[in-house]
Amino acid sequence: MKRFKALSSLFLLFFAVFSILAGCTHEQDAVSSKPANEAKTTNNKTETTSSHSTATSDEQAAIPEKLKKPVKIAAIMQMSIGTFSSQYIAGVKEQVQKFGGEVQIYNADNDLTKMASYVETAITQNVDAILLDHGRADALEGPVKKAVEKGIPVVAFDNDLNVPGVTVIDQDDYSLAWKTLKTLAEDLNGEGNIVTIWVGGFTPMERRHVIYEAFKKRYPNIKEVAKFGTASANTALDTQTQMEAILKKYPNKGDIDAVFATWDEFAKGATRAIEQAGRTEIKVYGIDLSDEDLQMIQKPNSPWVATTATDPAEVGRVQVRFAYQKIAGEKTPNIYSLEPHLVKRSDLPDKQVSMNELSQYIPGWGQSNVAISPWMKTLEAQVNKK
């Protein structure tokens, strides 16, 4: 019995000592081991972040192999009419120049067959990328597919192409039309007589017309009294002549309340006709914008009161950046729409402003920040050193 008690006492003593030691060990884990693990994790994160940062820095510094020598770009336009086109071309040239490349501009003079042949020419010349401005899929799909199969990147603007591998950008023509038309309707308080200037045969015009048809249903008390439009080498002048005839047909104040012009060349012609006829009670609502347009809009008592647009130069720059990304082997979207902005005369200052200054008065203007890769700054810096 005594022996059992002794053994029991010894066991209890051993258990107590073990518990104390175990408690000390657990307490030590809680105080020191856990922070040690956290420090280790933190160090791992630091190492990983540092490694990632270095890799990112290397990526920023590394110019893609295919862009280490100047590239050749073919920019093929359905037509080049008016200041919008000239500013678009300026944007294309500016961005290509910053990247140290070369660009050849082709103007098809509104001949889709000629435009398709220019694509074939660009393929034969083995250019590094092709930019398309307007055009239609039924005329261009064949040669564009041939370019893609040959490994030549294609980026189209305001086009209805749907070819795998081709990025198509646009100004979101549905929004362009709706923002302008909604402003017109609000200014007319939902009723009045309007003249519409529009021409078919162009992808953006067709899209804008879809919204116009919806607009007529949405605002049944706004009546169309006349509709016309011609795309020519002198669109603004031809529009002015046609608008003068309309004004003679409707000579009284109140016969026409507003003009919806689906292109700034149309808006310019209509504005000049209205001014010369002394009918400035008729207000003009347009689409697209240029420095010349801004001067007309800001002119005292100008009938042109609002337009919706994107920066044409930025359109050109974005298109070039997408092309360079494709040359570099980067993934680009199938479609991309630039956000249009409503520009009202009432939002502009009394002093004359240019397109470059418009962002001071129209938030977001000309600041798409799209299709930008880290290596582009490196490429521009390298070009500037030469």
Protein backbone atom coordinates (compact mmCIF):
# COMPACT_ATOMS: atom_id res chain seq x y z
CA MET A 1 0.00 0.00 0.00
CA LYS A 2 2.80 2.35 0.93
CA ARG A 3 4.56 1.36 -2.28
CA PHE A 4 1.43 2.27 -4.26
CA LYS A 5 1.19 5.65 -2.51
CA ALA A 6 4.85 6.31 -3.25
CA LEU A 7 4.38 5.47 -6.89
CA SER A 8 1.28 7.66 -7.00
CA SER A 9 3.15 10.57 -5.44
CA LEU A 10 6.02 10.12 -7.88
CA PHE A 11 3.60 10.05 -10.83
CA LEU A 12 1.84 13.20 -9.64
CA LEU A 13 5.17 14.95 -9.20
CA PHE A 14 6.25 13.93 -12.71
CA PHE A 15 2.93 15.09 -14.16
CA ALA A 16 3.20 18.46 -12.42
CA VAL A 17 6.74 19.01 -13.66
CA PHE A 18 5.69 18.02 -17.22
CA SER A 19 2.71 20.37 -17.11
CA ILE A 20 4.89 23.29 -15.98
CA LEU A 21 7.41 22.60 -18.71
CA ALA A 22 4.70 22.19 -21.29
CA GLY A 23 3.07 25.42 -20.13
CA CYS A 24 6.37 27.22 -20.40
CA THR A 25 6.83 25.83 -23.90
CA HIS A 26 3.34 26.87 -25.00
CA GLU A 27 3.81 30.28 -23.41
CA GLN A 28 7.09 30.66 -25.22
CA ASP A 29 5.38 29.73 -28.51
CA ALA A 30 2.73 32.33 -27.85
CA VAL A 31 5.23 35.08 -27.09
CA SER A 32 8.18 34.38 -29.36
CA SER A 33 7.47 31.64 -31.89
CA LYS A 34 4.38 33.28 -33.33
CA PRO A 35 6.10 36.60 -34.01
CA ALA A 36 8.95 34.65 -35.54
CA ASN A 37 6.49 32.99 -37.94
CA GLU A 38 4.91 36.38 -38.74
CA ALA A 39 8.31 37.87 -39.41
CA LYS A 40 9.12 34.98 -41.69
CA THR A 41 5.85 35.46 -43.57
CA THR A 42 6.47 39.18 -43.77
CA ASN A 43 9.95 38.57 -45.13
CA ASN A 44 8.56 36.19 -47.71
CA LYS A 45 6.01 38.80 -48.78
CA THR A 46 8.72 41.42 -48.91
CA GLU A 47 10.90 39.19 -51.04
CA THR A 48 7.98 38.35 -53.33
CA THR A 49 6.95 41.99 -53.66
CA SER A 50 10.50 43.05 -54.28
CA SER A 51 10.92 40.37 -56.90
CA HIS A 52 7.62 41.39 -58.56
CA SER A 53 8.65 45.04 -58.47
CA THR A 54 11.94 44.21 -60.13
CA ALA A 55 10.17 42.18 -62.78
CA THR A 56 7.73 45.02 -63.41
CA SER A 57 10.60 47.47 -63.64
CA ASP A 58 12.34 45.19 -66.12
CA GLU A 59 9.12 44.93 -68.14
CA GLN A 60 8.80 48.69 -68.21
CA ALA A 61 12.35 49.03 -69.40
CA ALA A 62 12.19 46.25 -71.96
CA ILE A 63 11.07 47.26 -75.43
CA PRO A 64 9.43 44.30 -77.23
CA GLU A 65 11.75 42.62 -79.71
CA LYS A 66 9.61 43.46 -82.74
CA LEU A 67 9.67 47.15 -81.83
CA LYS A 68 13.41 47.54 -81.41
CA LYS A 69 13.57 48.73 -85.00
CA PRO A 70 11.24 51.35 -86.57
CA VAL A 71 7.99 49.89 -87.86
CA LYS A 72 6.02 50.81 -90.98
CA ILE A 73 2.32 51.62 -90.66
CA ALA A 74 -0.21 51.98 -93.47
CA ALA A 75 -3.16 54.24 -92.57
CA ILE A 76 -5.94 53.77 -95.13
CA MET A 77 -8.87 56.19 -95.11
CA GLN A 78 -12.19 55.88 -96.91
CA MET A 79 -12.04 59.64 -97.37
CA SER A 80 -10.31 62.66 -95.90
CA ILE A 81 -12.73 65.56 -95.71
CA GLY A 82 -12.82 68.44 -93.26
CA THR A 83 -10.99 69.34 -90.10
CA PHE A 84 -12.05 66.22 -88.17
CA SER A 85 -10.13 64.07 -90.65
CA SER A 86 -7.12 66.37 -90.60
CA GLN A 87 -6.95 66.29 -86.81
CA TYR A 88 -7.39 62.51 -86.81
CA ILE A 89 -4.45 62.20 -89.23
CA ALA A 90 -2.42 64.54 -87.03
CA GLY A 91 -3.06 62.25 -84.04
CA VAL A 92 -1.96 59.18 -86.00
CA LYS A 93 1.22 60.86 -87.21
CA GLU A 94 2.02 62.28 -83.78
CA GLN A 95 1.80 58.91 -82.02
CA VAL A 96 3.75 57.02 -84.70
CA GLN A 97 6.44 59.70 -84.62
CA LYS A 98 6.71 59.43 -80.82
CA PHE A 99 7.31 55.69 -81.24
CA GLY A 100 9.93 56.29 -83.94
CA GLY A 101 7.92 54.62 -86.71
CA GLU A 102 6.85 55.56 -90.22
CA VAL A 103 3.28 56.01 -91.47
CA GLN A 104 1.95 56.24 -95.01
CA ILE A 105 -1.50 57.79 -95.42
CA TYR A 106 -3.77 56.50 -98.21
CA ASN A 107 -6.96 58.40 -99.11
CA ALA A 108 -9.48 56.36 -101.12
CA ASP A 109 -11.60 59.44 -101.96
CA ASN A 110 -14.78 57.63 -100.87
CA ASP A 111 -14.09 54.74 -103.28
CA LEU A 112 -14.39 51.46 -101.35
CA THR A 113 -12.87 49.47 -104.21
CA LYS A 114 -9.83 51.73 -104.10
CA MET A 115 -9.72 51.37 -100.32
CA ALA A 116 -9.64 47.57 -100.63
CA SER A 117 -6.86 47.82 -103.22
CA TYR A 118 -4.84 49.97 -100.81
CA VAL A 119 -5.09 47.16 -98.23
CA GLU A 120 -3.73 44.77 -100.87
CA THR A 121 -0.91 47.22 -101.57
CA ALA A 122 -0.05 47.44 -97.88
CA ILE A 123 0.09 43.63 -97.69
CA THR A 124 2.40 43.49 -100.72
CA GLN A 125 4.66 46.09 -99.12
CA ASN A 126 4.80 43.92 -96.00
CA VAL A 127 3.96 46.72 -93.59
CA ASP A 128 4.04 46.01 -89.86
CA ALA A 129 0.43 47.11 -89.24
CA ILE A 130 -2.60 48.50 -91.05
CA LEU A 131 -4.94 51.19 -89.74
CA LEU A 132 -8.36 51.57 -91.35
CA ASP A 133 -10.44 54.73 -91.09
CA HIS A 134 -14.10 54.04 -91.93
CA GLY A 135 -14.88 51.68 -94.82
CA ARG A 136 -17.31 48.79 -94.88
CA ALA A 137 -16.93 45.08 -94.23
CA ASP A 138 -18.54 44.05 -97.51
CA ALA A 139 -15.68 45.73 -99.37
CA LEU A 140 -12.78 45.13 -96.98
CA GLU A 141 -13.33 41.76 -95.32
CA GLY A 142 -11.44 39.77 -97.97
CA PRO A 143 -8.19 41.76 -98.01
CA VAL A 144 -8.30 42.29 -94.24
CA LYS A 145 -8.52 38.53 -93.65
CA LYS A 146 -5.55 38.12 -96.01
CA ALA A 147 -3.57 40.64 -93.94
CA VAL A 148 -4.39 38.86 -90.69
CA GLU A 149 -3.44 35.47 -92.16
CA LYS A 150 -0.10 36.96 -93.18
CA GLY A 151 0.45 38.15 -89.61
CA ILE A 152 -0.12 41.86 -90.25
CA PRO A 153 -2.09 43.44 -87.37
CA VAL A 154 -5.17 45.45 -88.36
CA VAL A 155 -6.93 48.11 -86.26
CA ALA A 156 -10.06 49.69 -87.73
CA PHE A 157 -11.90 52.87 -86.78
CA ASP A 158 -15.63 53.37 -87.35
CA ASN A 159 -15.97 50.19 -89.36
CA ASP A 160 -18.36 47.22 -89.24
CA LEU A 161 -15.65 44.58 -89.67
CA ASN A 162 -15.97 41.41 -87.58
CA VAL A 163 -12.78 39.52 -88.33
CA PRO A 164 -11.03 37.51 -85.58
CA GLY A 165 -7.82 39.24 -84.56
CA VAL A 166 -8.92 42.68 -85.77
CA THR A 167 -9.56 45.39 -83.18
CA VAL A 168 -12.34 47.79 -84.14
CA ILE A 169 -12.59 51.09 -82.28
CA ASP A 170 -15.34 53.66 -82.57
CA GLN A 171 -16.70 56.83 -81.00
CA ASP A 172 -19.78 55.03 -79.69
CA ASP A 173 -21.98 56.49 -82.40
CA TYR A 174 -25.13 55.51 -80.53
CA SER A 175 -24.12 57.68 -77.58
CA LEU A 176 -22.96 60.46 -79.89
CA ALA A 177 -26.36 60.67 -81.51
CA TRP A 178 -28.39 60.23 -78.34
CA LYS A 179 -26.55 62.89 -76.31
CA THR A 180 -27.04 65.44 -79.06
CA LEU A 181 -30.65 64.51 -79.76
CA LYS A 182 -31.58 64.46 -76.07
CA THR A 183 -30.15 67.96 -75.68
CA LEU A 184 -32.13 69.12 -78.72
CA ALA A 185 -35.34 67.64 -77.31
CA GLU A 186 -34.82 69.22 -73.90
CA ASP A 187 -34.13 72.63 -75.44
CA LEU A 188 -37.31 72.35 -77.53
CA ASN A 189 -39.26 71.14 -74.51
CA GLY A 190 -40.27 68.05 -76.47
CA GLU A 191 -41.98 69.68 -79.44
CA GLY A 192 -41.06 71.54 -82.61
CA ASN A 193 -40.01 71.22 -86.24
CA ILE A 194 -36.56 70.05 -87.22
CA VAL A 195 -34.40 69.49 -90.28
CA THR A 196 -32.16 66.41 -90.27
CA ILE A 197 -28.94 66.25 -92.28
CA TRP A 198 -27.74 62.68 -92.79
CA VAL A 199 -26.25 60.44 -95.47
CA GLY A 200 -26.16 56.65 -95.69
CA GLY A 201 -23.36 54.38 -96.81
CA PHE A 202 -21.08 54.97 -93.82
CA THR A 203 -21.02 52.71 -90.77
CA PRO A 204 -21.10 55.52 -88.17
CA MET A 205 -23.91 57.28 -90.04
CA GLU A 206 -25.96 54.09 -90.11
CA ARG A 207 -25.52 53.69 -86.35
CA ARG A 208 -26.47 57.29 -85.69
CA HIS A 209 -29.56 56.85 -87.81
CA VAL A 210 -30.68 53.91 -85.64
CA ILE A 211 -30.78 56.27 -82.66
CA TYR A 212 -32.51 58.97 -84.71
CA GLU A 213 -35.33 56.54 -85.54
CA ALA A 214 -35.67 55.71 -81.85
CA PHE A 215 -35.61 59.44 -81.02
CA LYS A 216 -38.59 60.09 -83.30
CA LYS A 217 -40.61 57.48 -81.42
CA ARG A 218 -39.50 58.83 -78.05
CA TYR A 219 -40.44 62.42 -78.97
CA PRO A 220 -43.45 62.19 -81.32
CA ASN A 221 -44.17 65.92 -81.04
CA ILE A 222 -40.86 66.78 -82.65
CA LYS A 223 -41.58 66.68 -86.38
CA GLU A 224 -39.11 66.25 -89.23
CA VAL A 225 -39.95 68.80 -91.95
CA ALA A 226 -36.94 68.06 -94.18
CA LYS A 227 -34.11 65.57 -94.49
CA PHE A 228 -31.11 65.64 -96.82
CA GLY A 229 -27.36 65.07 -96.96
CA THR A 230 -24.53 64.49 -99.40
CA ALA A 231 -20.93 63.43 -98.76
CA SER A 232 -18.71 65.06 -101.34
CA ALA A 233 -15.34 66.73 -101.75
CA ASN A 234 -17.09 69.98 -100.63
CA THR A 235 -19.60 68.66 -98.13
CA ALA A 236 -19.90 71.84 -96.05
CA LEU A 237 -20.42 74.03 -99.11
CA ASP A 238 -22.92 71.62 -100.67
CA THR A 239 -24.81 71.45 -97.38
CA GLN A 240 -24.93 75.23 -97.17
CA THR A 241 -26.50 75.43 -100.64
CA GLN A 242 -29.07 72.75 -99.79
CA MET A 243 -29.89 74.38 -96.45
CA GLU A 244 -30.43 77.73 -98.16
CA ALA A 245 -33.07 76.07 -100.34
CA ILE A 246 -34.77 74.60 -97.26
CA LEU A 247 -34.86 78.01 -95.59
CA LYS A 248 -36.55 79.51 -98.65
CA LYS A 249 -39.11 76.73 -98.57
CA TYR A 250 -39.80 77.46 -94.89
CA PRO A 251 -39.37 81.25 -94.69
CA ASN A 252 -41.30 82.06 -91.53
CA LYS A 253 -40.06 82.13 -87.98
CA GLY A 254 -41.31 78.98 -86.29
CA ASP A 255 -41.32 76.92 -89.48
CA ILE A 256 -38.04 75.36 -88.37
CA ASP A 257 -36.87 75.26 -84.76
CA ALA A 258 -33.68 73.24 -85.00
CA VAL A 259 -31.29 71.29 -87.21
CA PHE A 260 -29.85 67.90 -86.30
CA ALA A 261 -26.55 67.47 -88.20
CA THR A 262 -25.01 64.00 -88.01
CA TRP A 263 -21.55 65.23 -89.05
CA ASP A 264 -19.68 68.45 -88.32
CA GLU A 265 -19.29 69.16 -92.04
CA PHE A 266 -23.09 69.17 -92.22
CA ALA A 267 -23.29 71.40 -89.14
CA LYS A 268 -20.85 73.91 -90.63
CA GLY A 269 -22.84 74.20 -93.85
CA ALA A 270 -26.16 74.54 -92.05
CA THR A 271 -24.78 77.13 -89.63
CA ARG A 272 -23.43 79.32 -92.43
CA ALA A 273 -26.72 79.16 -94.34
CA ILE A 274 -28.72 80.08 -91.24
CA GLU A 275 -26.39 82.99 -90.41
CA GLN A 276 -26.49 84.40 -93.93
CA ALA A 277 -30.29 84.18 -93.98
CA GLY A 278 -30.53 85.96 -90.62
CA ARG A 279 -32.48 83.02 -89.19
CA THR A 280 -30.41 82.54 -86.04
CA GLU A 281 -33.53 81.58 -84.08
CA ILE A 282 -32.92 78.15 -85.66
CA LYS A 283 -30.47 76.22 -83.49
CA VAL A 284 -27.98 73.66 -84.78
CA TYR A 285 -27.08 70.47 -82.90
CA GLY A 286 -24.16 68.52 -84.32
CA ILE A 287 -21.83 65.55 -84.00
CA ASP A 288 -18.01 65.71 -84.09
CA LEU A 289 -15.77 68.65 -83.27
CA SER A 290 -12.62 70.43 -84.46
CA ASP A 291 -10.83 73.73 -83.84
CA GLU A 292 -12.72 75.27 -86.75
CA ASP A 293 -16.02 74.02 -85.31
CA LEU A 294 -15.19 75.51 -81.91
CA GLN A 295 -14.62 78.92 -83.49
CA MET A 296 -18.04 78.73 -85.12
CA ILE A 297 -19.76 77.54 -81.93
CA GLN A 298 -18.17 80.31 -79.83
CA LYS A 299 -19.01 83.03 -82.34
CA PRO A 300 -21.48 85.53 -80.80
CA ASN A 301 -25.10 84.61 -81.58
CA SER A 302 -24.01 81.46 -83.40
CA PRO A 303 -26.93 79.13 -84.15
CA TRP A 304 -24.66 76.13 -83.46
CA VAL A 305 -25.27 75.57 -79.76
CA ALA A 306 -24.19 72.00 -79.01
CA THR A 307 -22.28 69.03 -80.39
CA THR A 308 -21.21 65.63 -79.10
CA ALA A 309 -17.76 64.40 -79.97
CA THR A 310 -14.55 62.64 -79.12
CA ASP A 311 -11.14 64.19 -79.69
CA PRO A 312 -10.24 63.13 -83.27
CA ALA A 313 -6.52 63.37 -82.54
CA GLU A 314 -6.95 61.06 -79.54
CA VAL A 315 -8.85 58.59 -81.73
CA GLY A 316 -5.80 58.45 -83.99
CA ARG A 317 -3.40 58.06 -81.08
CA VAL A 318 -5.43 55.24 -79.52
CA GLN A 319 -5.61 53.42 -82.85
CA VAL A 320 -1.83 53.59 -83.22
CA ARG A 321 -1.24 52.36 -79.66
CA PHE A 322 -3.49 49.34 -80.24
CA ALA A 323 -1.51 48.59 -83.43
CA TYR A 324 1.80 48.73 -81.56
CA GLN A 325 0.43 46.45 -78.85
CA LYS A 326 -0.55 43.97 -81.54
CA ILE A 327 2.92 44.15 -83.11
CA ALA A 328 4.39 43.49 -79.66
CA GLY A 329 2.24 40.37 -79.36
CA GLU A 330 -0.01 41.73 -76.63
CA LYS A 331 -3.67 40.89 -76.40
CA THR A 332 -6.04 43.64 -77.51
CA PRO A 333 -9.86 43.80 -77.37
CA ASN A 334 -12.03 42.96 -80.38
CA ILE A 335 -13.95 46.21 -79.92
CA TYR A 336 -13.39 49.43 -78.00
CA SER A 337 -15.59 52.52 -77.82
CA LEU A 338 -14.17 55.87 -76.82
CA GLU A 339 -16.40 57.87 -74.52
CA PRO A 340 -17.99 60.86 -76.32
CA HIS A 341 -18.63 64.16 -74.59
CA LEU A 342 -21.39 66.71 -75.00
CA VAL A 343 -19.97 70.19 -75.66
CA LYS A 344 -22.44 73.04 -75.21
CA ARG A 345 -21.67 76.65 -76.01
CA SER A 346 -23.00 77.58 -72.57
CA ASP A 347 -20.26 75.44 -70.97
CA LEU A 348 -17.46 77.33 -72.74
CA PRO A 349 -15.83 80.61 -71.67
CA ASP A 350 -16.19 83.92 -73.47
CA LYS A 351 -12.62 83.73 -74.74
CA GLN A 352 -11.85 81.53 -77.74
CA VAL A 353 -10.58 78.07 -76.82
CA SER A 354 -8.85 75.36 -78.83
CA MET A 355 -9.28 71.59 -78.77
CA ASN A 356 -6.14 71.33 -76.62
CA GLU A 357 -7.76 73.55 -73.98
CA LEU A 358 -11.17 71.89 -74.03
CA SER A 359 -10.37 69.53 -71.15
CA GLN A 360 -10.39 72.57 -68.84
CA TYR A 361 -14.10 73.00 -69.49
CA ILE A 362 -15.29 69.53 -70.52
CA PRO A 363 -14.27 66.90 -67.89
CA GLY A 364 -12.59 63.85 -69.40
CA TRP A 365 -12.07 65.39 -72.83
CA GLY A 366 -9.16 63.83 -74.77
CA GLN A 367 -8.03 61.70 -71.83
CA SER A 368 -8.87 58.11 -72.74
CA ASN A 369 -5.71 56.59 -71.16
CA VAL A 370 -6.35 53.38 -73.07
CA ALA A 371 -4.02 51.01 -74.93
CA ILE A 372 -1.01 52.09 -72.90
CA SER A 373 1.72 49.54 -72.12
CA PRO A 374 4.65 50.13 -69.69
CA TRP A 375 7.26 49.86 -72.45
CA MET A 376 5.74 52.71 -74.44
CA LYS A 377 7.36 55.35 -72.23
CA THR A 378 10.68 53.58 -72.65
CA LEU A 379 10.24 53.51 -76.41
CA GLU A 380 9.36 57.22 -76.51
CA ALA A 381 12.36 58.05 -74.32
CA GLN A 382 14.65 56.08 -76.60
CA VAL A 383 13.30 57.90 -79.66
CA ASN A 384 13.79 61.28 -77.96
CA LYS A 385 17.47 60.50 -77.36
CA LYS A 386 18.13 60.09 -81.09
